[in-house]
N, C-alpha and C. Protein backbone atom coordinates (compact mmCIF):
# COMPACT_ATOMS: atom_id res chain seq x y z
N MET A 1 -23.55 14.04 24.11
CA MET A 1 -23.19 13.92 22.74
C MET A 1 -24.36 13.29 22.00
N GLY A 2 -24.87 14.03 21.10
CA GLY A 2 -25.98 13.52 20.31
C GLY A 2 -25.45 12.60 19.23
N GLY A 3 -26.01 11.48 19.11
CA GLY A 3 -25.50 10.52 18.14
C GLY A 3 -26.60 10.01 17.23
N ARG A 4 -26.15 9.51 16.16
CA ARG A 4 -27.10 8.89 15.24
C ARG A 4 -27.03 7.39 15.42
N HIS A 5 -28.11 6.82 15.31
CA HIS A 5 -28.17 5.36 15.37
C HIS A 5 -28.32 4.83 13.95
N LEU A 6 -27.36 4.05 13.60
CA LEU A 6 -27.42 3.44 12.27
C LEU A 6 -28.15 2.10 12.38
N THR A 7 -29.06 1.91 11.54
CA THR A 7 -29.75 0.63 11.52
C THR A 7 -29.52 -0.01 10.17
N ALA A 8 -29.31 -1.25 10.22
CA ALA A 8 -29.12 -1.99 8.98
C ALA A 8 -30.27 -2.97 8.86
N SER A 9 -30.87 -2.94 7.74
CA SER A 9 -31.93 -3.91 7.53
C SER A 9 -31.32 -5.14 6.86
N ALA A 10 -31.50 -6.22 7.50
CA ALA A 10 -30.95 -7.47 6.97
C ALA A 10 -31.95 -8.08 6.02
N THR A 11 -31.49 -8.31 4.86
CA THR A 11 -32.35 -9.00 3.90
C THR A 11 -31.74 -10.36 3.63
N LYS A 12 -32.60 -11.29 3.62
CA LYS A 12 -32.15 -12.65 3.36
C LYS A 12 -32.31 -12.95 1.88
N THR A 13 -31.25 -13.39 1.33
CA THR A 13 -31.29 -13.79 -0.06
C THR A 13 -31.05 -15.29 -0.11
N LEU A 14 -31.95 -15.94 -0.71
CA LEU A 14 -31.85 -17.38 -0.83
C LEU A 14 -31.28 -17.72 -2.20
N ARG A 15 -30.18 -18.40 -2.19
CA ARG A 15 -29.56 -18.82 -3.45
C ARG A 15 -29.62 -20.33 -3.55
N ARG A 16 -29.97 -20.75 -4.68
CA ARG A 16 -30.02 -22.19 -4.91
C ARG A 16 -28.82 -22.60 -5.75
N VAL A 17 -28.18 -23.64 -5.29
CA VAL A 17 -27.05 -24.18 -6.02
C VAL A 17 -27.52 -25.47 -6.67
N ARG A 18 -27.32 -25.54 -7.95
CA ARG A 18 -27.71 -26.75 -8.65
C ARG A 18 -26.59 -27.77 -8.58
N ILE A 19 -26.92 -28.93 -8.13
CA ILE A 19 -25.96 -30.03 -8.06
C ILE A 19 -26.19 -30.91 -9.27
N THR A 20 -25.15 -31.05 -10.06
CA THR A 20 -25.25 -31.84 -11.28
C THR A 20 -24.81 -33.28 -11.02
N GLN A 21 -25.06 -34.11 -12.00
CA GLN A 21 -24.60 -35.50 -11.91
C GLN A 21 -23.07 -35.55 -11.86
N ASP A 22 -22.41 -34.62 -12.56
CA ASP A 22 -20.94 -34.56 -12.52
C ASP A 22 -20.46 -34.24 -11.11
N ASP A 23 -21.16 -33.34 -10.42
CA ASP A 23 -20.78 -33.01 -9.04
C ASP A 23 -20.89 -34.23 -8.13
N ILE A 24 -21.94 -34.99 -8.33
CA ILE A 24 -22.15 -36.19 -7.51
C ILE A 24 -21.05 -37.22 -7.80
N LEU A 25 -20.72 -37.40 -9.07
CA LEU A 25 -19.65 -38.34 -9.42
C LEU A 25 -18.31 -37.89 -8.86
N ILE A 26 -18.00 -36.61 -8.94
CA ILE A 26 -16.74 -36.11 -8.38
C ILE A 26 -16.70 -36.33 -6.88
N ALA A 27 -17.82 -36.09 -6.20
CA ALA A 27 -17.88 -36.32 -4.75
C ALA A 27 -17.66 -37.79 -4.42
N ARG A 28 -18.24 -38.67 -5.19
CA ARG A 28 -18.05 -40.11 -4.95
C ARG A 28 -16.61 -40.54 -5.19
N TRP A 29 -16.04 -40.09 -6.31
CA TRP A 29 -14.65 -40.42 -6.60
C TRP A 29 -13.73 -39.84 -5.54
N ALA A 30 -14.00 -38.59 -5.12
CA ALA A 30 -13.16 -37.96 -4.09
C ALA A 30 -13.27 -38.73 -2.77
N ALA A 31 -14.46 -39.18 -2.42
CA ALA A 31 -14.63 -39.95 -1.19
C ALA A 31 -13.81 -41.23 -1.23
N LEU A 32 -13.81 -41.89 -2.38
CA LEU A 32 -13.01 -43.11 -2.53
C LEU A 32 -11.52 -42.79 -2.42
N ALA A 33 -11.08 -41.72 -3.06
CA ALA A 33 -9.67 -41.33 -3.00
C ALA A 33 -9.27 -40.95 -1.57
N ILE A 34 -10.14 -40.27 -0.87
CA ILE A 34 -9.87 -39.89 0.53
C ILE A 34 -9.74 -41.14 1.39
N ALA A 35 -10.67 -42.08 1.22
CA ALA A 35 -10.63 -43.32 2.00
C ALA A 35 -9.32 -44.08 1.73
N LEU A 36 -8.91 -44.15 0.48
CA LEU A 36 -7.65 -44.84 0.15
C LEU A 36 -6.45 -44.11 0.74
N ALA A 37 -6.46 -42.78 0.70
CA ALA A 37 -5.34 -42.01 1.26
C ALA A 37 -5.25 -42.20 2.77
N VAL A 38 -6.39 -42.20 3.44
CA VAL A 38 -6.39 -42.39 4.90
C VAL A 38 -5.96 -43.81 5.25
N ALA A 39 -6.45 -44.79 4.50
CA ALA A 39 -6.05 -46.18 4.75
C ALA A 39 -4.56 -46.36 4.49
N GLU A 40 -4.05 -45.72 3.46
CA GLU A 40 -2.63 -45.82 3.12
C GLU A 40 -1.75 -45.22 4.21
N ALA A 41 -2.26 -44.22 4.91
CA ALA A 41 -1.48 -43.60 5.99
C ALA A 41 -1.19 -44.59 7.11
N GLY A 42 -2.01 -45.61 7.23
CA GLY A 42 -1.80 -46.63 8.26
C GLY A 42 -0.86 -47.74 7.86
N LEU A 43 -0.47 -47.77 6.59
CA LEU A 43 0.45 -48.82 6.13
C LEU A 43 1.88 -48.51 6.57
N PRO A 44 2.62 -49.53 6.95
CA PRO A 44 4.04 -49.29 7.29
C PRO A 44 4.83 -48.92 6.04
N SER A 45 5.83 -48.09 6.21
CA SER A 45 6.65 -47.63 5.10
C SER A 45 8.12 -47.94 5.38
N PRO A 46 8.84 -48.47 4.39
CA PRO A 46 10.25 -48.77 4.62
C PRO A 46 11.08 -47.50 4.84
N LEU A 47 10.70 -46.43 4.19
CA LEU A 47 11.37 -45.13 4.34
C LEU A 47 10.30 -44.05 4.43
N PRO A 48 10.54 -43.01 5.22
CA PRO A 48 9.57 -41.91 5.26
C PRO A 48 9.36 -41.31 3.87
N GLY A 49 8.11 -41.09 3.54
CA GLY A 49 7.79 -40.48 2.26
C GLY A 49 7.54 -41.45 1.12
N ILE A 50 7.79 -42.72 1.34
CA ILE A 50 7.54 -43.70 0.28
C ILE A 50 6.22 -44.40 0.58
N LYS A 51 5.25 -44.13 -0.30
CA LYS A 51 3.92 -44.74 -0.17
C LYS A 51 3.48 -45.18 -1.56
N PRO A 52 2.58 -46.16 -1.62
CA PRO A 52 2.16 -46.66 -2.93
C PRO A 52 1.29 -45.69 -3.74
N GLY A 53 0.69 -44.71 -3.12
CA GLY A 53 -0.13 -43.75 -3.87
C GLY A 53 -1.40 -44.36 -4.41
N LEU A 54 -2.08 -45.11 -3.57
CA LEU A 54 -3.31 -45.80 -4.01
C LEU A 54 -4.39 -44.83 -4.49
N ALA A 55 -4.45 -43.66 -3.90
CA ALA A 55 -5.46 -42.69 -4.32
C ALA A 55 -5.20 -42.19 -5.74
N ASN A 56 -3.98 -42.32 -6.21
CA ASN A 56 -3.67 -41.92 -7.58
C ASN A 56 -4.34 -42.83 -8.60
N ILE A 57 -4.68 -44.04 -8.19
CA ILE A 57 -5.45 -44.93 -9.05
C ILE A 57 -6.79 -44.27 -9.38
N VAL A 58 -7.41 -43.70 -8.35
CA VAL A 58 -8.70 -43.03 -8.54
C VAL A 58 -8.53 -41.82 -9.46
N THR A 59 -7.47 -41.06 -9.25
CA THR A 59 -7.24 -39.87 -10.09
C THR A 59 -7.11 -40.27 -11.56
N LEU A 60 -6.37 -41.33 -11.84
CA LEU A 60 -6.22 -41.79 -13.23
C LEU A 60 -7.54 -42.29 -13.81
N LEU A 61 -8.29 -43.01 -13.01
CA LEU A 61 -9.60 -43.48 -13.49
C LEU A 61 -10.52 -42.30 -13.81
N VAL A 62 -10.50 -41.29 -12.95
CA VAL A 62 -11.33 -40.10 -13.19
C VAL A 62 -10.86 -39.38 -14.46
N LEU A 63 -9.55 -39.32 -14.66
CA LEU A 63 -9.02 -38.70 -15.87
C LEU A 63 -9.60 -39.38 -17.11
N TYR A 64 -9.62 -40.70 -17.11
CA TYR A 64 -10.14 -41.43 -18.26
C TYR A 64 -11.66 -41.37 -18.36
N ARG A 65 -12.34 -41.37 -17.25
CA ARG A 65 -13.81 -41.44 -17.26
C ARG A 65 -14.49 -40.08 -17.36
N ALA A 66 -13.85 -39.04 -16.77
CA ALA A 66 -14.54 -37.75 -16.69
C ALA A 66 -13.69 -36.56 -17.14
N GLY A 67 -12.42 -36.78 -17.46
CA GLY A 67 -11.59 -35.70 -17.96
C GLY A 67 -10.65 -35.10 -16.91
N TRP A 68 -9.78 -34.23 -17.41
CA TRP A 68 -8.72 -33.66 -16.57
C TRP A 68 -9.27 -32.76 -15.47
N ARG A 69 -10.26 -31.96 -15.79
CA ARG A 69 -10.82 -31.04 -14.79
C ARG A 69 -11.38 -31.80 -13.59
N ALA A 70 -12.11 -32.86 -13.84
CA ALA A 70 -12.65 -33.69 -12.75
C ALA A 70 -11.52 -34.34 -11.97
N ALA A 71 -10.47 -34.78 -12.66
CA ALA A 71 -9.33 -35.40 -11.98
C ALA A 71 -8.65 -34.39 -11.05
N VAL A 72 -8.56 -33.14 -11.49
CA VAL A 72 -7.99 -32.08 -10.64
C VAL A 72 -8.82 -31.91 -9.38
N TRP A 73 -10.14 -31.83 -9.55
CA TRP A 73 -11.02 -31.67 -8.39
C TRP A 73 -10.86 -32.83 -7.41
N VAL A 74 -10.88 -34.04 -7.92
CA VAL A 74 -10.77 -35.22 -7.07
C VAL A 74 -9.43 -35.22 -6.33
N SER A 75 -8.37 -34.94 -7.03
CA SER A 75 -7.04 -34.96 -6.42
C SER A 75 -6.90 -33.88 -5.34
N LEU A 76 -7.34 -32.68 -5.65
CA LEU A 76 -7.21 -31.59 -4.67
C LEU A 76 -8.13 -31.79 -3.46
N LEU A 77 -9.33 -32.29 -3.70
CA LEU A 77 -10.23 -32.59 -2.57
C LEU A 77 -9.63 -33.69 -1.70
N ARG A 78 -8.99 -34.67 -2.34
CA ARG A 78 -8.35 -35.74 -1.58
C ARG A 78 -7.22 -35.22 -0.71
N VAL A 79 -6.36 -34.39 -1.26
CA VAL A 79 -5.25 -33.84 -0.49
C VAL A 79 -5.76 -33.02 0.69
N LEU A 80 -6.73 -32.17 0.43
CA LEU A 80 -7.30 -31.31 1.47
C LEU A 80 -7.99 -32.12 2.56
N ALA A 81 -8.89 -33.00 2.17
CA ALA A 81 -9.66 -33.77 3.16
C ALA A 81 -8.79 -34.75 3.93
N ALA A 82 -7.88 -35.43 3.24
CA ALA A 82 -7.02 -36.39 3.94
C ALA A 82 -6.14 -35.67 4.95
N SER A 83 -5.65 -34.48 4.62
CA SER A 83 -4.82 -33.75 5.59
C SER A 83 -5.66 -33.30 6.79
N LEU A 84 -6.91 -32.97 6.56
CA LEU A 84 -7.79 -32.60 7.68
C LEU A 84 -8.07 -33.82 8.57
N VAL A 85 -8.37 -34.95 7.94
CA VAL A 85 -8.69 -36.17 8.69
C VAL A 85 -7.48 -36.67 9.47
N LEU A 86 -6.30 -36.59 8.84
CA LEU A 86 -5.09 -37.11 9.47
C LEU A 86 -4.40 -36.10 10.38
N GLY A 87 -4.92 -34.88 10.42
CA GLY A 87 -4.37 -33.86 11.33
C GLY A 87 -3.11 -33.20 10.82
N GLY A 88 -2.92 -33.15 9.52
CA GLY A 88 -1.71 -32.54 8.99
C GLY A 88 -1.95 -31.31 8.15
N PHE A 89 -3.12 -30.68 8.31
CA PHE A 89 -3.46 -29.52 7.50
C PHE A 89 -2.48 -28.39 7.77
N PHE A 90 -1.95 -27.79 6.72
CA PHE A 90 -0.94 -26.72 6.76
C PHE A 90 0.36 -27.14 7.43
N SER A 91 0.66 -28.41 7.41
CA SER A 91 1.94 -28.91 7.92
C SER A 91 2.90 -29.07 6.73
N PRO A 92 4.16 -29.33 7.00
CA PRO A 92 5.07 -29.61 5.88
C PRO A 92 4.60 -30.80 5.03
N GLY A 93 4.00 -31.80 5.67
CA GLY A 93 3.48 -32.94 4.92
C GLY A 93 2.37 -32.53 3.97
N PHE A 94 1.54 -31.59 4.39
CA PHE A 94 0.47 -31.06 3.54
C PHE A 94 1.08 -30.35 2.33
N ALA A 95 2.10 -29.53 2.59
CA ALA A 95 2.77 -28.82 1.50
C ALA A 95 3.40 -29.82 0.52
N MET A 96 3.97 -30.88 1.05
CA MET A 96 4.56 -31.90 0.18
C MET A 96 3.48 -32.58 -0.66
N SER A 97 2.34 -32.87 -0.05
CA SER A 97 1.23 -33.49 -0.79
C SER A 97 0.72 -32.58 -1.89
N VAL A 98 0.57 -31.30 -1.57
CA VAL A 98 0.08 -30.34 -2.57
C VAL A 98 1.07 -30.23 -3.72
N SER A 99 2.37 -30.14 -3.40
CA SER A 99 3.36 -30.00 -4.48
C SER A 99 3.41 -31.25 -5.34
N GLY A 100 3.37 -32.42 -4.71
CA GLY A 100 3.37 -33.66 -5.47
C GLY A 100 2.14 -33.81 -6.34
N ALA A 101 0.98 -33.53 -5.76
CA ALA A 101 -0.27 -33.63 -6.52
C ALA A 101 -0.30 -32.62 -7.65
N GLY A 102 0.15 -31.41 -7.39
CA GLY A 102 0.16 -30.37 -8.42
C GLY A 102 1.05 -30.75 -9.60
N CYS A 103 2.26 -31.20 -9.31
CA CYS A 103 3.18 -31.61 -10.39
C CYS A 103 2.63 -32.82 -11.15
N SER A 104 2.06 -33.74 -10.42
CA SER A 104 1.47 -34.92 -11.03
C SER A 104 0.31 -34.54 -11.96
N LEU A 105 -0.55 -33.63 -11.50
CA LEU A 105 -1.68 -33.20 -12.31
C LEU A 105 -1.24 -32.45 -13.56
N LEU A 106 -0.22 -31.61 -13.41
CA LEU A 106 0.30 -30.91 -14.59
C LEU A 106 0.88 -31.90 -15.60
N MET A 107 1.60 -32.89 -15.12
CA MET A 107 2.15 -33.91 -16.01
C MET A 107 1.03 -34.70 -16.68
N LEU A 108 0.02 -35.10 -15.89
CA LEU A 108 -1.10 -35.85 -16.46
C LEU A 108 -1.83 -35.04 -17.51
N GLY A 109 -2.07 -33.77 -17.21
CA GLY A 109 -2.77 -32.92 -18.16
C GLY A 109 -2.02 -32.79 -19.47
N GLY A 110 -0.72 -32.50 -19.38
CA GLY A 110 0.08 -32.38 -20.59
C GLY A 110 0.18 -33.67 -21.35
N ALA A 111 0.45 -34.75 -20.65
CA ALA A 111 0.61 -36.05 -21.31
C ALA A 111 -0.70 -36.54 -21.92
N TYR A 112 -1.80 -36.36 -21.20
CA TYR A 112 -3.10 -36.83 -21.68
C TYR A 112 -3.52 -36.08 -22.94
N LEU A 113 -3.20 -34.80 -22.98
CA LEU A 113 -3.60 -33.98 -24.13
C LEU A 113 -2.64 -34.08 -25.31
N LEU A 114 -1.35 -34.26 -25.03
CA LEU A 114 -0.35 -34.14 -26.09
C LEU A 114 0.21 -35.45 -26.61
N LEU A 115 0.22 -36.48 -25.80
CA LEU A 115 0.82 -37.74 -26.23
C LEU A 115 -0.20 -38.62 -26.94
N PRO A 116 0.24 -39.37 -27.95
CA PRO A 116 -0.71 -40.24 -28.66
C PRO A 116 -1.23 -41.36 -27.78
N VAL A 117 -2.54 -41.50 -27.74
CA VAL A 117 -3.19 -42.50 -26.89
C VAL A 117 -2.76 -43.91 -27.28
N ARG A 118 -2.46 -44.10 -28.53
CA ARG A 118 -2.08 -45.42 -29.02
C ARG A 118 -0.83 -45.96 -28.31
N TRP A 119 0.09 -45.06 -27.95
CA TRP A 119 1.34 -45.49 -27.32
C TRP A 119 1.41 -45.19 -25.84
N PHE A 120 0.56 -44.30 -25.38
CA PHE A 120 0.62 -43.89 -23.97
C PHE A 120 -0.73 -44.13 -23.31
N GLY A 121 -0.82 -45.21 -22.58
CA GLY A 121 -2.05 -45.58 -21.89
C GLY A 121 -1.94 -45.35 -20.40
N PRO A 122 -2.76 -46.04 -19.63
CA PRO A 122 -2.78 -45.86 -18.17
C PRO A 122 -1.44 -46.14 -17.49
N VAL A 123 -0.71 -47.14 -17.97
CA VAL A 123 0.57 -47.47 -17.34
C VAL A 123 1.58 -46.35 -17.57
N SER A 124 1.68 -45.88 -18.81
CA SER A 124 2.60 -44.79 -19.12
C SER A 124 2.25 -43.53 -18.33
N LEU A 125 0.96 -43.19 -18.32
CA LEU A 125 0.54 -41.99 -17.59
C LEU A 125 0.79 -42.13 -16.10
N SER A 126 0.57 -43.32 -15.57
CA SER A 126 0.82 -43.54 -14.15
C SER A 126 2.30 -43.38 -13.82
N LEU A 127 3.16 -43.91 -14.68
CA LEU A 127 4.60 -43.77 -14.47
C LEU A 127 5.02 -42.30 -14.52
N LEU A 128 4.54 -41.58 -15.52
CA LEU A 128 4.87 -40.16 -15.64
C LEU A 128 4.36 -39.37 -14.43
N ALA A 129 3.13 -39.67 -14.01
CA ALA A 129 2.55 -38.96 -12.86
C ALA A 129 3.32 -39.27 -11.58
N ALA A 130 3.70 -40.53 -11.40
CA ALA A 130 4.45 -40.90 -10.18
C ALA A 130 5.81 -40.22 -10.15
N LEU A 131 6.48 -40.16 -11.29
CA LEU A 131 7.79 -39.49 -11.34
C LEU A 131 7.64 -37.98 -11.12
N ALA A 132 6.60 -37.39 -11.69
CA ALA A 132 6.36 -35.96 -11.48
C ALA A 132 6.03 -35.67 -10.02
N HIS A 133 5.24 -36.54 -9.42
CA HIS A 133 4.88 -36.41 -8.00
C HIS A 133 6.15 -36.43 -7.15
N MET A 134 7.00 -37.40 -7.40
CA MET A 134 8.24 -37.53 -6.65
C MET A 134 9.14 -36.32 -6.90
N GLY A 135 9.23 -35.88 -8.15
CA GLY A 135 10.06 -34.73 -8.48
C GLY A 135 9.58 -33.46 -7.80
N GLY A 136 8.27 -33.25 -7.79
CA GLY A 136 7.72 -32.07 -7.12
C GLY A 136 7.99 -32.06 -5.63
N GLN A 137 7.86 -33.23 -5.02
CA GLN A 137 8.10 -33.31 -3.59
C GLN A 137 9.58 -33.12 -3.25
N LEU A 138 10.47 -33.72 -4.02
CA LEU A 138 11.89 -33.54 -3.76
C LEU A 138 12.33 -32.11 -4.02
N LEU A 139 11.76 -31.48 -5.02
CA LEU A 139 12.09 -30.08 -5.30
C LEU A 139 11.65 -29.18 -4.14
N LEU A 140 10.44 -29.40 -3.64
CA LEU A 140 9.98 -28.60 -2.49
C LEU A 140 10.84 -28.88 -1.27
N ALA A 141 11.17 -30.15 -1.04
CA ALA A 141 12.01 -30.49 0.10
C ALA A 141 13.37 -29.80 -0.01
N ARG A 142 13.93 -29.77 -1.21
CA ARG A 142 15.24 -29.13 -1.41
C ARG A 142 15.14 -27.62 -1.21
N LEU A 143 14.09 -27.00 -1.72
CA LEU A 143 13.97 -25.55 -1.64
C LEU A 143 13.55 -25.05 -0.26
N TRP A 144 12.81 -25.88 0.49
CA TRP A 144 12.22 -25.39 1.73
C TRP A 144 12.67 -26.15 2.97
N LEU A 145 12.55 -27.46 2.95
CA LEU A 145 12.76 -28.24 4.17
C LEU A 145 14.22 -28.64 4.40
N ILE A 146 14.91 -29.02 3.35
CA ILE A 146 16.30 -29.48 3.47
C ILE A 146 17.12 -28.70 2.43
N PRO A 147 17.47 -27.47 2.73
CA PRO A 147 18.18 -26.66 1.73
C PRO A 147 19.65 -27.08 1.60
N HIS A 148 19.84 -28.28 1.12
CA HIS A 148 21.19 -28.83 0.97
C HIS A 148 21.20 -29.75 -0.25
N ASN A 149 22.26 -29.72 -1.01
CA ASN A 149 22.33 -30.54 -2.22
C ASN A 149 22.42 -32.04 -1.95
N GLY A 150 22.63 -32.43 -0.71
CA GLY A 150 22.70 -33.84 -0.37
C GLY A 150 21.41 -34.58 -0.65
N ILE A 151 20.31 -33.86 -0.79
CA ILE A 151 19.02 -34.50 -1.08
C ILE A 151 19.05 -35.21 -2.43
N ILE A 152 19.98 -34.81 -3.30
CA ILE A 152 20.10 -35.44 -4.61
C ILE A 152 20.40 -36.93 -4.48
N TYR A 153 21.05 -37.32 -3.39
CA TYR A 153 21.37 -38.73 -3.19
C TYR A 153 20.12 -39.59 -2.95
N LEU A 154 19.01 -38.94 -2.61
CA LEU A 154 17.76 -39.68 -2.41
C LEU A 154 17.01 -39.93 -3.71
N VAL A 155 17.37 -39.23 -4.77
CA VAL A 155 16.64 -39.34 -6.04
C VAL A 155 16.56 -40.78 -6.54
N PRO A 156 17.64 -41.55 -6.57
CA PRO A 156 17.49 -42.93 -7.08
C PRO A 156 16.53 -43.79 -6.26
N VAL A 157 16.54 -43.62 -4.95
CA VAL A 157 15.64 -44.40 -4.09
C VAL A 157 14.19 -44.02 -4.36
N PHE A 158 13.92 -42.73 -4.36
CA PHE A 158 12.54 -42.27 -4.57
C PHE A 158 12.09 -42.51 -6.01
N ALA A 159 12.99 -42.36 -6.98
CA ALA A 159 12.63 -42.63 -8.38
C ALA A 159 12.33 -44.12 -8.58
N GLY A 160 13.10 -44.98 -7.92
CA GLY A 160 12.83 -46.41 -7.99
C GLY A 160 11.46 -46.75 -7.43
N ALA A 161 11.14 -46.17 -6.28
CA ALA A 161 9.82 -46.40 -5.68
C ALA A 161 8.72 -45.85 -6.58
N ALA A 162 8.95 -44.67 -7.17
CA ALA A 162 7.95 -44.08 -8.07
C ALA A 162 7.73 -44.97 -9.28
N LEU A 163 8.79 -45.55 -9.81
CA LEU A 163 8.65 -46.45 -10.96
C LEU A 163 7.88 -47.71 -10.60
N ILE A 164 8.20 -48.30 -9.46
CA ILE A 164 7.51 -49.53 -9.04
C ILE A 164 6.03 -49.25 -8.77
N PHE A 165 5.75 -48.25 -7.94
CA PHE A 165 4.35 -47.97 -7.59
C PHE A 165 3.59 -47.40 -8.78
N GLY A 166 4.26 -46.60 -9.62
CA GLY A 166 3.60 -46.09 -10.82
C GLY A 166 3.22 -47.21 -11.77
N LEU A 167 4.10 -48.21 -11.90
CA LEU A 167 3.82 -49.37 -12.75
C LEU A 167 2.65 -50.17 -12.20
N VAL A 168 2.70 -50.48 -10.91
CA VAL A 168 1.62 -51.27 -10.29
C VAL A 168 0.28 -50.53 -10.39
N ASN A 169 0.27 -49.26 -10.04
CA ASN A 169 -0.97 -48.48 -10.10
C ASN A 169 -1.49 -48.38 -11.52
N GLY A 170 -0.60 -48.19 -12.48
CA GLY A 170 -1.00 -48.12 -13.89
C GLY A 170 -1.60 -49.43 -14.37
N LEU A 171 -1.01 -50.55 -13.94
CA LEU A 171 -1.56 -51.86 -14.32
C LEU A 171 -2.95 -52.06 -13.70
N ILE A 172 -3.12 -51.59 -12.47
CA ILE A 172 -4.44 -51.69 -11.82
C ILE A 172 -5.47 -50.85 -12.59
N VAL A 173 -5.08 -49.64 -12.97
CA VAL A 173 -6.00 -48.78 -13.74
C VAL A 173 -6.33 -49.42 -15.08
N ALA A 174 -5.33 -49.96 -15.77
CA ALA A 174 -5.59 -50.62 -17.05
C ALA A 174 -6.54 -51.80 -16.88
N TRP A 175 -6.35 -52.57 -15.82
CA TRP A 175 -7.24 -53.71 -15.56
C TRP A 175 -8.66 -53.25 -15.28
N ILE A 176 -8.80 -52.21 -14.44
CA ILE A 176 -10.14 -51.69 -14.12
C ILE A 176 -10.80 -51.13 -15.38
N GLN A 177 -10.03 -50.39 -16.19
CA GLN A 177 -10.57 -49.83 -17.43
C GLN A 177 -11.07 -50.95 -18.35
N GLN A 178 -10.29 -52.01 -18.44
CA GLN A 178 -10.69 -53.13 -19.30
C GLN A 178 -11.98 -53.76 -18.79
N ARG A 179 -12.08 -53.92 -17.47
CA ARG A 179 -13.30 -54.50 -16.88
C ARG A 179 -14.51 -53.59 -17.10
N LEU A 180 -14.31 -52.29 -16.97
CA LEU A 180 -15.42 -51.34 -17.17
C LEU A 180 -15.88 -51.31 -18.63
N GLU A 181 -14.97 -51.48 -19.56
CA GLU A 181 -15.34 -51.48 -20.98
C GLU A 181 -16.07 -52.76 -21.37
N GLN A 182 -15.85 -53.84 -20.63
CA GLN A 182 -16.52 -55.11 -20.93
C GLN A 182 -17.95 -55.13 -20.43
N GLU A 183 -18.25 -54.31 -19.41
CA GLU A 183 -19.61 -54.30 -18.87
C GLU A 183 -20.55 -53.57 -19.82
N PRO A 184 -21.82 -54.03 -19.88
CA PRO A 184 -22.78 -53.37 -20.77
C PRO A 184 -23.20 -52.01 -20.25
């Protein structure tokens, strides 16, 4: 059987990617958020799923310092990298993190753009984000993991935790923002 030999000439194309100062800042913020998320995974929890959300402090700071788009990058990089480091990539916990972060980011984006800054600062945004995070996770749990209406009984417990941790994280962000504005 006579055959043809196909040859492919490989050409190397060199592409240069420009790294901007914004890219470097996002990488630094994401690294901090990842470190906080991994450290938080080692903290004891009174109930499964209740965590202080320390990495959300970084997300709020990025929102104020660099805008919503940068906050989205930092939050999504944190969820992805922390799940890889902790060994939960593509697990139900990963899905819960993605749903919580996604709902939180949508709430932050809407609130940051639409609500008057005079009345809604870091504490308000943190509370809204924490409640949206909790709501997104409970909704996913109800639709996928626990398809039973009994999950509604957990709402007061998780909402209470979201309010407490959202308040504390918001106060921390407000304090950091105040300190950063005082520096020359």
